[in-house]
PDB file of N, CA and C in Angstrom:
ATOM      1  N   UNK A   1     -35.166  55.199 -39.337  1.00  0.00           N
ATOM      2  CA  UNK A   1     -35.315  53.865 -39.311  1.00  0.00           C
ATOM      3  C   UNK A   1     -33.801  52.989 -38.992  1.00  0.00           C
ATOM      4  N   UNK A   2     -33.457  52.235 -38.044  1.00  0.00           N
ATOM      5  CA  UNK A   2     -32.580  51.371 -38.146  1.00  0.00           C
ATOM      6  C   UNK A   2     -32.048  50.843 -39.335  1.00  0.00           C
ATOM      7  N   UNK A   3     -30.991  50.554 -39.329  1.00  0.00           N
ATOM      8  CA  UNK A   3     -30.338  49.610 -40.723  1.00  0.00           C
ATOM      9  C   UNK A   3     -29.955  48.537 -40.145  1.00  0.00           C
ATOM     10  N   UNK A   4     -29.832  48.212 -39.313  1.00  0.00           N
ATOM     11  CA  UNK A   4     -29.343  46.877 -38.477  1.00  0.00           C
ATOM     12  C   UNK A   4     -30.576  46.589 -37.429  1.00  0.00           C
ATOM     13  N   UNK A   5     -30.424  45.180 -37.106  1.00  0.00           N
ATOM     14  CA  UNK A   5     -30.513  44.420 -35.760  1.00  0.00           C
ATOM     15  C   UNK A   5     -29.757  44.122 -35.126  1.00  0.00           C
ATOM     16  N   UNK A   6     -29.677  43.700 -33.576  1.00  0.00           N
ATOM     17  CA  UNK A   6     -28.755  43.033 -32.572  1.00  0.00           C
ATOM     18  C   UNK A   6     -29.851  42.166 -31.965  1.00  0.00           C
ATOM     19  N   UNK A   7     -29.165  40.633 -31.972  1.00  0.00           N
ATOM     20  CA  UNK A   7     -29.337  39.683 -31.517  1.00  0.00           C
ATOM     21  C   UNK A   7     -28.878  39.506 -30.777  1.00  0.00           C
ATOM     22  N   UNK A   8     -29.257  38.976 -29.120  1.00  0.00           N
ATOM     23  CA  UNK A   8     -28.375  38.761 -27.774  1.00  0.00           C
ATOM     24  C   UNK A   8     -28.875  37.276 -27.892  1.00  0.00           C
ATOM     25  N   UNK A   9     -28.253  36.411 -27.017  1.00  0.00           N
ATOM     26  CA  UNK A   9     -28.266  34.999 -26.339  1.00  0.00           C
ATOM     27  C   UNK A   9     -27.692  35.115 -24.811  1.00  0.00           C
ATOM     28  N   UNK A  10     -28.579  35.961 -24.274  1.00  0.00           N
ATOM     29  CA  UNK A  10     -28.193  36.083 -23.060  1.00  0.00           C
ATOM     30  C   UNK A  10     -27.455  35.478 -21.963  1.00  0.00           C
ATOM     31  N   UNK A  11     -28.106  34.353 -22.112  1.00  0.00           N
ATOM     32  CA  UNK A  11     -27.778  32.597 -21.607  1.00  0.00           C
ATOM     33  C   UNK A  11     -25.980  32.687 -21.968  1.00  0.00           C
ATOM     34  N   UNK A  12     -25.910  32.855 -22.872  1.00  0.00           N
ATOM     35  CA  UNK A  12     -24.412  32.566 -23.556  1.00  0.00           C
ATOM     36  C   UNK A  12     -23.317  33.988 -23.131  1.00  0.00           C
ATOM     37  N   UNK A  13     -23.608  34.950 -22.531  1.00  0.00           N
ATOM     38  CA  UNK A  13     -23.201  35.857 -22.231  1.00  0.00           C
ATOM     39  C   UNK A  13     -22.250  35.491 -20.638  1.00  0.00           C
ATOM     40  N   UNK A  14     -20.779  36.291 -20.968  1.00  0.00           N
ATOM     41  CA  UNK A  14     -20.333  36.171 -19.758  1.00  0.00           C
ATOM     42  C   UNK A  14     -19.810  38.027 -19.435  1.00  0.00           C
ATOM     43  N   UNK A  15     -20.096  38.794 -20.331  1.00  0.00           N
ATOM     44  CA  UNK A  15     -20.370  40.292 -19.686  1.00  0.00           C
ATOM     45  C   UNK A  15     -18.605  40.898 -20.042  1.00  0.00           C
ATOM     46  N   UNK A  16     -17.765  40.296 -20.497  1.00  0.00           N
ATOM     47  CA  UNK A  16     -16.620  40.769 -21.360  1.00  0.00           C
ATOM     48  C   UNK A  16     -16.938  42.226 -21.637  1.00  0.00           C
ATOM     49  N   UNK A  17     -18.084  42.623 -21.976  1.00  0.00           N
ATOM     50  CA  UNK A  17     -18.170  44.325 -22.508  1.00  0.00           C
ATOM     51  C   UNK A  17     -17.491  44.520 -24.027  1.00  0.00           C
ATOM     52  N   UNK A  18     -17.120  43.664 -24.698  1.00  0.00           N
ATOM     53  CA  UNK A  18     -16.419  44.028 -25.956  1.00  0.00           C
ATOM     54  C   UNK A  18     -17.513  44.180 -26.780  1.00  0.00           C
ATOM     55  N   UNK A  19     -18.859  43.306 -26.113  1.00  0.00           N
ATOM     56  CA  UNK A  19     -19.097  44.207 -27.659  1.00  0.00           C
ATOM     57  C   UNK A  19     -20.110  45.990 -27.503  1.00  0.00           C
ATOM     58  N   UNK A  20     -19.833  45.887 -26.660  1.00  0.00           N
ATOM     59  CA  UNK A  20     -20.280  47.558 -26.015  1.00  0.00           C
ATOM     60  C   UNK A  20     -19.220  48.508 -26.122  1.00  0.00           C
ATOM     61  N   UNK A  21     -18.076  47.810 -25.790  1.00  0.00           N
ATOM     62  CA  UNK A  21     -16.892  48.649 -25.871  1.00  0.00           C
ATOM     63  C   UNK A  21     -16.229  49.047 -27.859  1.00  0.00           C
ATOM     64  N   UNK A  22     -16.812  47.933 -28.181  1.00  0.00           N
ATOM     65  CA  UNK A  22     -16.425  48.006 -29.666  1.00  0.00           C
ATOM     66  C   UNK A  22     -17.636  48.536 -30.701  1.00  0.00           C
ATOM     67  N   UNK A  23     -19.031  48.570 -30.449  1.00  0.00           N
ATOM     68  CA  UNK A  23     -19.912  49.268 -31.060  1.00  0.00           C
ATOM     69  C   UNK A  23     -19.384  50.813 -30.943  1.00  0.00           C
ATOM     70  N   UNK A  24     -19.625  50.644 -32.457  1.00  0.00           N
ATOM     71  CA  UNK A  24     -19.033  52.192 -33.357  1.00  0.00           C
ATOM     72  C   UNK A  24     -20.353  53.352 -32.994  1.00  0.00           C
ATOM     73  N   UNK A  25     -21.519  52.583 -33.148  1.00  0.00           N
ATOM     74  CA  UNK A  25     -22.653  53.654 -32.957  1.00  0.00           C
ATOM     75  C   UNK A  25     -22.873  53.152 -31.274  1.00  0.00           C
ATOM     76  N   UNK A  26     -22.315  53.091 -30.264  1.00  0.00           N
ATOM     77  CA  UNK A  26     -23.315  53.126 -29.048  1.00  0.00           C
ATOM     78  C   UNK A  26     -24.358  52.574 -29.072  1.00  0.00           C
ATOM     79  N   UNK A  27     -24.618  51.459 -29.371  1.00  0.00           N
ATOM     80  CA  UNK A  27     -25.777  50.984 -29.607  1.00  0.00           C
ATOM     81  C   UNK A  27     -26.289  50.165 -28.119  1.00  0.00           C
ATOM     82  N   UNK A  28     -25.170  49.395 -27.646  1.00  0.00           N
ATOM     83  CA  UNK A  28     -25.090  48.747 -26.504  1.00  0.00           C
ATOM     84  C   UNK A  28     -24.742  49.195 -24.961  1.00  0.00           C
ATOM     85  N   UNK A  29     -25.369  49.124 -24.576  1.00  0.00           N
ATOM     86  CA  UNK A  29     -24.806  48.798 -22.731  1.00  0.00           C
ATOM     87  C   UNK A  29     -25.091  47.593 -21.617  1.00  0.00           C
ATOM     88  N   UNK A  30     -24.319  47.355 -20.975  1.00  0.00           N
ATOM     89  CA  UNK A  30     -24.245  46.135 -19.682  1.00  0.00           C
ATOM     90  C   UNK A  30     -25.084  46.457 -19.312  1.00  0.00           C
ATOM     91  N   UNK A  31     -26.490  45.186 -18.607  1.00  0.00           N
ATOM     92  CA  UNK A  31     -27.582  45.506 -18.738  1.00  0.00           C
ATOM     93  C   UNK A  31     -27.389  45.368 -16.906  1.00  0.00           C
ATOM     94  N   UNK A  32     -27.938  45.850 -15.847  1.00  0.00           N
ATOM     95  CA  UNK A  32     -27.846  45.735 -14.600  1.00  0.00           C
ATOM     96  C   UNK A  32     -28.793  44.158 -14.134  1.00  0.00           C
ATOM     97  N   UNK A  33     -29.262  43.182 -15.003  1.00  0.00           N
ATOM     98  CA  UNK A  33     -29.950  42.287 -14.660  1.00  0.00           C
ATOM     99  C   UNK A  33     -28.611  41.381 -15.006  1.00  0.00           C
ATOM    100  N   UNK A  34     -29.359  40.326 -14.107  1.00  0.00           N
ATOM    101  CA  UNK A  34     -28.103  39.125 -14.121  1.00  0.00           C
ATOM    102  C   UNK A  34     -28.637  37.860 -15.428  1.00  0.00           C
ATOM    103  N   UNK A  35     -28.180  37.230 -15.533  1.00  0.00           N
ATOM    104  CA  UNK A  35     -28.528  35.896 -16.342  1.00  0.00           C
ATOM    105  C   UNK A  35     -28.129  34.689 -15.527  1.00  0.00           C
ATOM    106  N   UNK A  36     -28.849  33.639 -16.084  1.00  0.00           N
ATOM    107  CA  UNK A  36     -28.385  32.520 -15.457  1.00  0.00           C
ATOM    108  C   UNK A  36     -27.364  31.937 -14.545  1.00  0.00           C
ATOM    109  N   UNK A  37     -26.189  32.782 -15.293  1.00  0.00           N
ATOM    110  CA  UNK A  37     -24.706  32.186 -14.543  1.00  0.00           C
ATOM    111  C   UNK A  37     -23.835  33.837 -13.426  1.00  0.00           C
ATOM    112  N   UNK A  38     -25.327  34.447 -13.551  1.00  0.00           N
ATOM    113  CA  UNK A  38     -24.658  35.742 -12.190  1.00  0.00           C
ATOM    114  C   UNK A  38     -23.669  36.919 -13.497  1.00  0.00           C
ATOM    115  N   UNK A  39     -23.759  36.616 -14.701  1.00  0.00           N
ATOM    116  CA  UNK A  39     -23.292  37.933 -15.478  1.00  0.00           C
ATOM    117  C   UNK A  39     -24.257  39.188 -15.703  1.00  0.00           C
ATOM    118  N   UNK A  40     -23.927  40.050 -16.456  1.00  0.00           N
ATOM    119  CA  UNK A  40     -24.833  40.766 -17.025  1.00  0.00           C
ATOM    120  C   UNK A  40     -24.650  41.136 -18.286  1.00  0.00           C
ATOM    121  N   UNK A  41     -25.767  40.871 -19.054  1.00  0.00           N
ATOM    122  CA  UNK A  41     -25.302  40.624 -20.484  1.00  0.00           C
ATOM    123  C   UNK A  41     -25.730  41.915 -20.736  1.00  0.00           C
ATOM    124  N   UNK A  42     -25.160  42.977 -22.342  1.00  0.00           N
ATOM    125  CA  UNK A  42     -25.936  43.379 -22.564  1.00  0.00           C
ATOM    126  C   UNK A  42     -26.996  43.615 -23.148  1.00  0.00           C
ATOM    127  N   UNK A  43     -27.371  44.904 -23.600  1.00  0.00           N
ATOM    128  CA  UNK A  43     -28.773  45.142 -24.047  1.00  0.00           C
ATOM    129  C   UNK A  43     -29.115  46.398 -24.544  1.00  0.00           C
ATOM    130  N   UNK A  44     -29.772  46.734 -25.368  1.00  0.00           N
ATOM    131  CA  UNK A  44     -29.386  47.606 -26.998  1.00  0.00           C
ATOM    132  C   UNK A  44     -30.006  48.711 -25.850  1.00  0.00           C
ATOM    133  N   UNK A  45     -29.496  49.957 -25.842  1.00  0.00           N
ATOM    134  CA  UNK A  45     -30.131  51.409 -25.648  1.00  0.00           C
ATOM    135  C   UNK A  45     -30.708  52.054 -26.555  1.00  0.00           C
ATOM    136  N   UNK A  46     -29.733  52.028 -27.944  1.00  0.00           N
ATOM    137  CA  UNK A  46     -30.212  52.885 -29.166  1.00  0.00           C
ATOM    138  C   UNK A  46     -30.472  51.986 -30.592  1.00  0.00           C
ATOM    139  N   UNK A  47     -31.785  51.438 -30.728  1.00  0.00           N
ATOM    140  CA  UNK A  47     -31.813  50.645 -31.637  1.00  0.00           C
ATOM    141  C   UNK A  47     -31.637  50.914 -33.211  1.00  0.00           C
ATOM    142  N   UNK A  48     -32.222  52.302 -33.368  1.00  0.00           N
ATOM    143  CA  UNK A  48     -32.562  52.640 -34.562  1.00  0.00           C
ATOM    144  C   UNK A  48     -30.426  53.324 -34.800  1.00  0.00           C
ATOM    145  N   UNK A  49     -30.253  53.367 -34.039  1.00  0.00           N
ATOM    146  CA  UNK A  49     -28.388  53.823 -34.453  1.00  0.00           C
ATOM    147  C   UNK A  49     -27.842  52.385 -34.599  1.00  0.00           C
ATOM    148  N   UNK A  50     -28.208  51.010 -34.723  1.00  0.00           N
ATOM    149  CA  UNK A  50     -27.496  50.403 -35.540  1.00  0.00           C
ATOM    150  C   UNK A  50     -27.399  50.081 -36.837  1.00  0.00           C
ATOM    151  N   UNK A  51     -26.078  49.887 -37.320  1.00  0.00           N
ATOM    152  CA  UNK A  51     -26.008  50.037 -38.372  1.00  0.00           C
ATOM    153  C   UNK A  51     -25.886  48.389 -39.055  1.00  0.00           C
ATOM    154  N   UNK A  52     -25.967  47.472 -38.194  1.00  0.00           N
ATOM    155  CA  UNK A  52     -25.688  46.448 -38.846  1.00  0.00           C
ATOM    156  C   UNK A  52     -24.355  45.669 -39.274  1.00  0.00           C
ATOM    157  N   UNK A  53     -23.473  46.421 -38.827  1.00  0.00           N
ATOM    158  CA  UNK A  53     -21.834  46.060 -39.127  1.00  0.00           C
ATOM    159  C   UNK A  53     -21.583  44.999 -38.345  1.00  0.00           C
ATOM    160  N   UNK A  54     -22.301  44.380 -37.290  1.00  0.00           N
ATOM    161  CA  UNK A  54     -21.609  42.974 -36.676  1.00  0.00           C
ATOM    162  C   UNK A  54     -20.313  43.074 -35.970  1.00  0.00           C
ATOM    163  N   UNK A  55     -20.093  44.465 -35.870  1.00  0.00           N
ATOM    164  CA  UNK A  55     -18.687  44.145 -34.881  1.00  0.00           C
ATOM    165  C   UNK A  55     -18.586  43.154 -33.724  1.00  0.00           C
ATOM    166  N   UNK A  56     -19.767  43.371 -33.333  1.00  0.00           N
ATOM    167  CA  UNK A  56     -20.314  42.730 -31.512  1.00  0.00           C
ATOM    168  C   UNK A  56     -20.484  41.146 -32.041  1.00  0.00           C
ATOM    169  N   UNK A  57     -20.708  41.071 -32.694  1.00  0.00           N
ATOM    170  CA  UNK A  57     -20.707  39.614 -32.997  1.00  0.00           C
ATOM    171  C   UNK A  57     -19.009  39.201 -33.607  1.00  0.00           C
ATOM    172  N   UNK A  58     -18.815  40.049 -34.192  1.00  0.00           N
ATOM    173  CA  UNK A  58     -16.771  39.656 -34.664  1.00  0.00           C
ATOM    174  C   UNK A  58     -15.756  39.673 -33.316  1.00  0.00           C
ATOM    175  N   UNK A  59     -16.420  41.024 -32.516  1.00  0.00           N
ATOM    176  CA  UNK A  59     -15.439  40.417 -30.780  1.00  0.00           C
ATOM    177  C   UNK A  59     -16.191  39.380 -29.831  1.00  0.00           C
ATOM    178  N   UNK A  60     -17.486  39.471 -29.960  1.00  0.00           N
ATOM    179  CA  UNK A  60     -17.784  38.349 -28.817  1.00  0.00           C
ATOM    180  C   UNK A  60     -17.109  37.029 -29.003  1.00  0.00           C
ATOM    181  N   UNK A  61     -16.460  36.578 -27.642  1.00  0.00           N
ATOM    182  CA  UNK A  61     -15.821  35.123 -27.673  1.00  0.00           C
ATOM    183  C   UNK A  61     -16.815  34.406 -27.340  1.00  0.00           C
ATOM    184  N   UNK A  62     -17.639  34.597 -26.904  1.00  0.00           N
ATOM    185  CA  UNK A  62     -18.880  33.796 -26.827  1.00  0.00           C
ATOM    186  C   UNK A  62     -19.674  33.414 -27.612  1.00  0.00           C
ATOM    187  N   UNK A  63     -19.960  34.029 -28.663  1.00  0.00           N
ATOM    188  CA  UNK A  63     -20.844  33.865 -30.208  1.00  0.00           C
ATOM    189  C   UNK A  63     -22.642  34.329 -28.864  1.00  0.00           C
ATOM    190  N   UNK A  64     -22.326  34.943 -28.384  1.00  0.00           N
ATOM    191  CA  UNK A  64     -23.600  35.386 -27.703  1.00  0.00           C
ATOM    192  C   UNK A  64     -24.169  36.493 -28.273  1.00  0.00           C
ATOM    193  N   UNK A  65     -24.062  36.898 -29.181  1.00  0.00           N
ATOM    194  CA  UNK A  65     -24.656  38.667 -29.882  1.00  0.00           C
ATOM    195  C   UNK A  65     -24.021  38.836 -31.504  1.00  0.00           C
ATOM    196  N   UNK A  66     -25.237  38.742 -32.464  1.00  0.00           N
ATOM    197  CA  UNK A  66     -24.442  39.192 -33.672  1.00  0.00           C
ATOM    198  C   UNK A  66     -25.762  40.116 -34.299  1.00  0.00           C
ATOM    199  N   UNK A  67     -25.406  40.989 -34.820  1.00  0.00           N
ATOM    200  CA  UNK A  67     -26.192  42.023 -35.731  1.00  0.00           C
ATOM    201  C   UNK A  67     -26.218  41.871 -37.283  1.00  0.00           C
ATOM    202  N   UNK A  68     -27.574  41.731 -37.917  1.00  0.00           N
ATOM    203  CA  UNK A  68     -27.272  42.389 -39.330  1.00  0.00           C
ATOM    204  C   UNK A  68     -28.034  43.107 -40.170  1.00  0.00           C
ATOM    205  N   UNK A  69     -27.914  43.491 -41.545  1.00  0.00           N
ATOM    206  CA  UNK A  69     -28.349  44.582 -41.689  1.00  0.00           C
ATOM    207  C   UNK A  69     -30.420  43.986 -41.793  1.00  0.00           C
ATOM    208  N   UNK A  70     -30.551  45.609 -42.238  1.00  0.00           N
ATOM    209  CA  UNK A  70     -32.109  45.343 -42.117  1.00  0.00           C
ATOM    210  C   UNK A  70     -32.828  45.564 -44.094  1.00  0.00           C
ATOM    211  N   UNK A  71     -33.050  45.245 -44.496  1.00  0.00           N
ATOM    212  CA  UNK A  71     -33.429  45.530 -45.476  1.00  0.00           C
ATOM    213  C   UNK A  71     -34.933  46.027 -45.621  1.00  0.00           C
ATOM    214  N   UNK A  72     -34.833  47.577 -45.787  1.00  0.00           N
ATOM    215  CA  UNK A  72     -35.966  48.345 -46.269  1.00  0.00           C
ATOM    216  C   UNK A  72     -36.684  47.628 -46.950  1.00  0.00           C
ATOM    217  N   UNK A  73     -38.547  47.263 -46.733  1.00  0.00           N
ATOM    218  CA  UNK A  73     -39.214  46.711 -47.615  1.00  0.00           C
ATOM    219  C   UNK A  73     -40.004  47.580 -48.742  1.00  0.00           C
ATOM    220  N   UNK A  74     -39.419  49.160 -48.737  1.00  0.00           N
ATOM    221  CA  UNK A  74     -39.665  49.315 -49.766  1.00  0.00           C
ATOM    222  C   UNK A  74     -38.406  49.481 -51.291  1.00  0.00           C
ATOM    223  N   UNK A  75     -37.149  49.577 -50.343  1.00  0.00           N
ATOM    224  CA  UNK A  75     -36.133  49.303 -51.920  1.00  0.00           C
ATOM    225  C   UNK A  75     -35.963  48.011 -51.723  1.00  0.00           C
ATOM    226  N   UNK A  76     -36.657  46.564 -51.071  1.00  0.00           N
ATOM    227  CA  UNK A  76     -36.890  45.584 -51.320  1.00  0.00           C
ATOM    228  C   UNK A  76     -37.626  45.911 -53.011  1.00  0.00           C
ATOM    229  N   UNK A  77     -38.917  46.006 -52.870  1.00  0.00           N
ATOM    230  CA  UNK A  77     -40.045  46.487 -54.089  1.00  0.00           C
ATOM    231  C   UNK A  77     -39.159  47.141 -55.089  1.00  0.00           C
ATOM    232  N   UNK A  78     -38.903  48.146 -54.856  1.00  0.00           N
ATOM    233  CA  UNK A  78     -37.840  48.571 -55.852  1.00  0.00           C
ATOM    234  C   UNK A  78     -36.782  47.833 -57.032  1.00  0.00           C
ATOM    235  N   UNK A  79     -35.946  46.980 -55.970  1.00  0.00           N
ATOM    236  CA  UNK A  79     -35.353  46.078 -56.491  1.00  0.00           C
ATOM    237  C   UNK A  79     -35.702  45.272 -57.382  1.00  0.00           C
ATOM    238  N   UNK A  80     -36.930  44.978 -56.535  1.00  0.00           N
ATOM    239  CA  UNK A  80     -37.600  44.332 -57.386  1.00  0.00           C
ATOM    240  C   UNK A  80     -38.045  44.346 -59.347  1.00  0.00           C
ATOM    241  N   UNK A  81     -38.725  45.639 -58.661  1.00  0.00           N
ATOM    242  CA  UNK A  81     -39.446  46.517 -60.241  1.00  0.00           C
ATOM    243  C   UNK A  81     -38.200  46.517 -61.192  1.00  0.00           C
ATOM    244  N   UNK A  82     -36.430  46.963 -60.736  1.00  0.00           N
ATOM    245  CA  UNK A  82     -35.935  46.830 -61.663  1.00  0.00           C
ATOM    246  C   UNK A  82     -35.799  45.653 -62.015  1.00  0.00           C
ATOM    247  N   UNK A  83     -35.142  44.408 -61.663  1.00  0.00           N
ATOM    248  CA  UNK A  83     -35.327  43.503 -61.830  1.00  0.00           C
ATOM    249  C   UNK A  83     -36.015  42.619 -63.004  1.00  0.00           C
ATOM    250  N   UNK A  84     -37.473  42.938 -62.863  1.00  0.00           N
ATOM    251  CA  UNK A  84     -38.566  42.534 -64.143  1.00  0.00           C
ATOM    252  C   UNK A  84     -38.160  43.438 -64.979  1.00  0.00           C
ATOM    253  N   UNK A  85     -37.737  44.757 -64.857  1.00  0.00           N
ATOM    254  CA  UNK A  85     -37.625  45.492 -65.894  1.00  0.00           C
ATOM    255  C   UNK A  85     -36.553  45.365 -66.547  1.00  0.00           C
ATOM    256  N   UNK A  86     -35.209  44.648 -65.986  1.00  0.00           N
ATOM    257  CA  UNK A  86     -34.373  44.318 -66.853  1.00  0.00           C
ATOM    258  C   UNK A  86     -34.354  43.378 -67.417  1.00  0.00           C
ATOM    259  N   UNK A  87     -34.820  42.060 -66.660  1.00  0.00           N
ATOM    260  CA  UNK A  87     -35.384  40.813 -67.627  1.00  0.00           C
ATOM    261  C   UNK A  87     -36.595  41.023 -68.604  1.00  0.00           C
ATOM    262  N   UNK A  88     -37.468  41.425 -68.732  1.00  0.00           N
ATOM    263  CA  UNK A  88     -38.205  42.469 -69.755  1.00  0.00           C
ATOM    264  C   UNK A  88     -37.271  42.342 -70.903  1.00  0.00           C
ATOM    265  N   UNK A  89     -36.435  43.635 -70.436  1.00  0.00           N
ATOM    266  CA  UNK A  89     -35.593  44.090 -71.539  1.00  0.00           C
ATOM    267  C   UNK A  89     -35.154  43.233 -72.348  1.00  0.00           C
ATOM    268  N   UNK A  90     -34.785  42.231 -71.960  1.00  0.00           N
ATOM    269  CA  UNK A  90     -33.529  41.073 -72.346  1.00  0.00           C
ATOM    270  C   UNK A  90     -34.817  40.339 -72.799  1.00  0.00           C
ATOM    271  N   UNK A  91     -35.771  39.596 -72.735  1.00  0.00           N
ATOM    272  CA  UNK A  91     -36.231  39.323 -73.737  1.00  0.00           C
ATOM    273  C   UNK A  91     -36.726  40.096 -74.704  1.00  0.00           C
ATOM    274  N   UNK A  92     -37.389  41.174 -75.010  1.00  0.00           N
ATOM    275  CA  UNK A  92     -37.293  42.201 -75.878  1.00  0.00           C
ATOM    276  C   UNK A  92     -36.656  41.936 -76.920  1.00  0.00           C
ATOM    277  N   UNK A  93     -35.283  42.189 -76.492  1.00  0.00           N
ATOM    278  CA  UNK A  93     -33.683  42.284 -77.486  1.00  0.00           C
ATOM    279  C   UNK A  93     -33.722  40.554 -77.933  1.00  0.00           C
ATOM    280  N   UNK A  94     -34.399  39.865 -77.182  1.00  0.00           N
ATOM    281  CA  UNK A  94     -34.076  38.065 -77.951  1.00  0.00           C
ATOM    282  C   UNK A  94     -34.993  37.901 -78.885  1.00  0.00           C
ATOM    283  N   UNK A  95     -36.339  38.444 -78.746  1.00  0.00           N
ATOM    284  CA  UNK A  95     -37.234  38.342 -79.434  1.00  0.00           C
ATOM    285  C   UNK A  95     -37.382  39.017 -80.828  1.00  0.00           C
ATOM    286  N   UNK A  96     -36.569  40.236 -80.863  1.00  0.00           N
ATOM    287  CA  UNK A  96     -36.394  41.277 -81.865  1.00  0.00           C
ATOM    288  C   UNK A  96     -34.990  40.938 -82.692  1.00  0.00           C
ATOM    289  N   UNK A  97     -34.122  40.205 -82.190  1.00  0.00           N
ATOM    290  CA  UNK A  97     -33.055  39.070 -82.318  1.00  0.00           C
ATOM    291  C   UNK A  97     -33.636  37.864 -83.424  1.00  0.00           C
ATOM    292  N   UNK A  98     -34.526  37.201 -82.754  1.00  0.00           N
ATOM    293  CA  UNK A  98     -35.082  36.381 -83.479  1.00  0.00           C
ATOM    294  C   UNK A  98     -35.538  36.654 -84.716  1.00  0.00           C
ATOM    295  N   UNK A  99     -36.500  37.304 -84.486  1.00  0.00           N
ATOM    296  CA  UNK A  99     -37.516  38.222 -85.400  1.00  0.00           C
ATOM    297  C   UNK A  99     -36.295  38.070 -86.919  1.00  0.00           C
ATOM    298  N   UNK A 100     -35.132  39.494 -86.427  1.00  0.00           N
ATOM    299  CA  UNK A 100     -33.725  39.667 -87.389  1.00  0.00           C
ATOM    300  C   UNK A 100     -33.412  38.490 -88.136  1.00  0.00           C
ATOM    301  N   UNK A 101     -33.172  37.871 -87.359  1.00  0.00           N
ATOM    302  CA  UNK A 101     -32.672  36.075 -87.656  1.00  0.00           C
ATOM    303  C   UNK A 101     -33.807  35.798 -88.651  1.00  0.00           C
ATOM    304  N   UNK A 102     -35.153  35.536 -88.649  1.00  0.00           N
ATOM    305  CA  UNK A 102     -35.780  34.938 -89.406  1.00  0.00           C
ATOM    306  C   UNK A 102     -36.237  35.791 -90.995  1.00  0.00           C
ATOM    307  N   UNK A 103     -35.875  36.830 -91.275  1.00  0.00           N
ATOM    308  CA  UNK A 103     -35.998  37.782 -91.878  1.00  0.00           C
ATOM    309  C   UNK A 103     -35.697  37.291 -93.331  1.00  0.00           C
TER     310      UNK A 103
END
C-alpha cells in the first residue's frame, strides 16, 4: 500500500520535469499527452511507491503538483483506541484522587 498520494493540476504544468527528476521513489514520468498549453505534464507511473514526501511539490515552480501522506485506516483506528484508553486512565486517576481527598 502506498504511503502517499500525488495530485497533479495538469493545466498549470509547463513540463519543466523537476518533479520527475527530484522524486526519490521514481513515481512520476512526463506524459506523452499534451495539456491545453501544449506541454507534456507528468503522470503517476508507480503510485504504490509514493512516500508522500512532497519533494515534487516543493520543486514545482508552478504549484502544479503536490503529494500528501495517506493515513492507513487501521492505524487511525489504533490511534483512536490508544487515545480512548489514555483518556480512561486519566479519568480513573482523577476519580481515585478525588476519593482519596474525600477520606
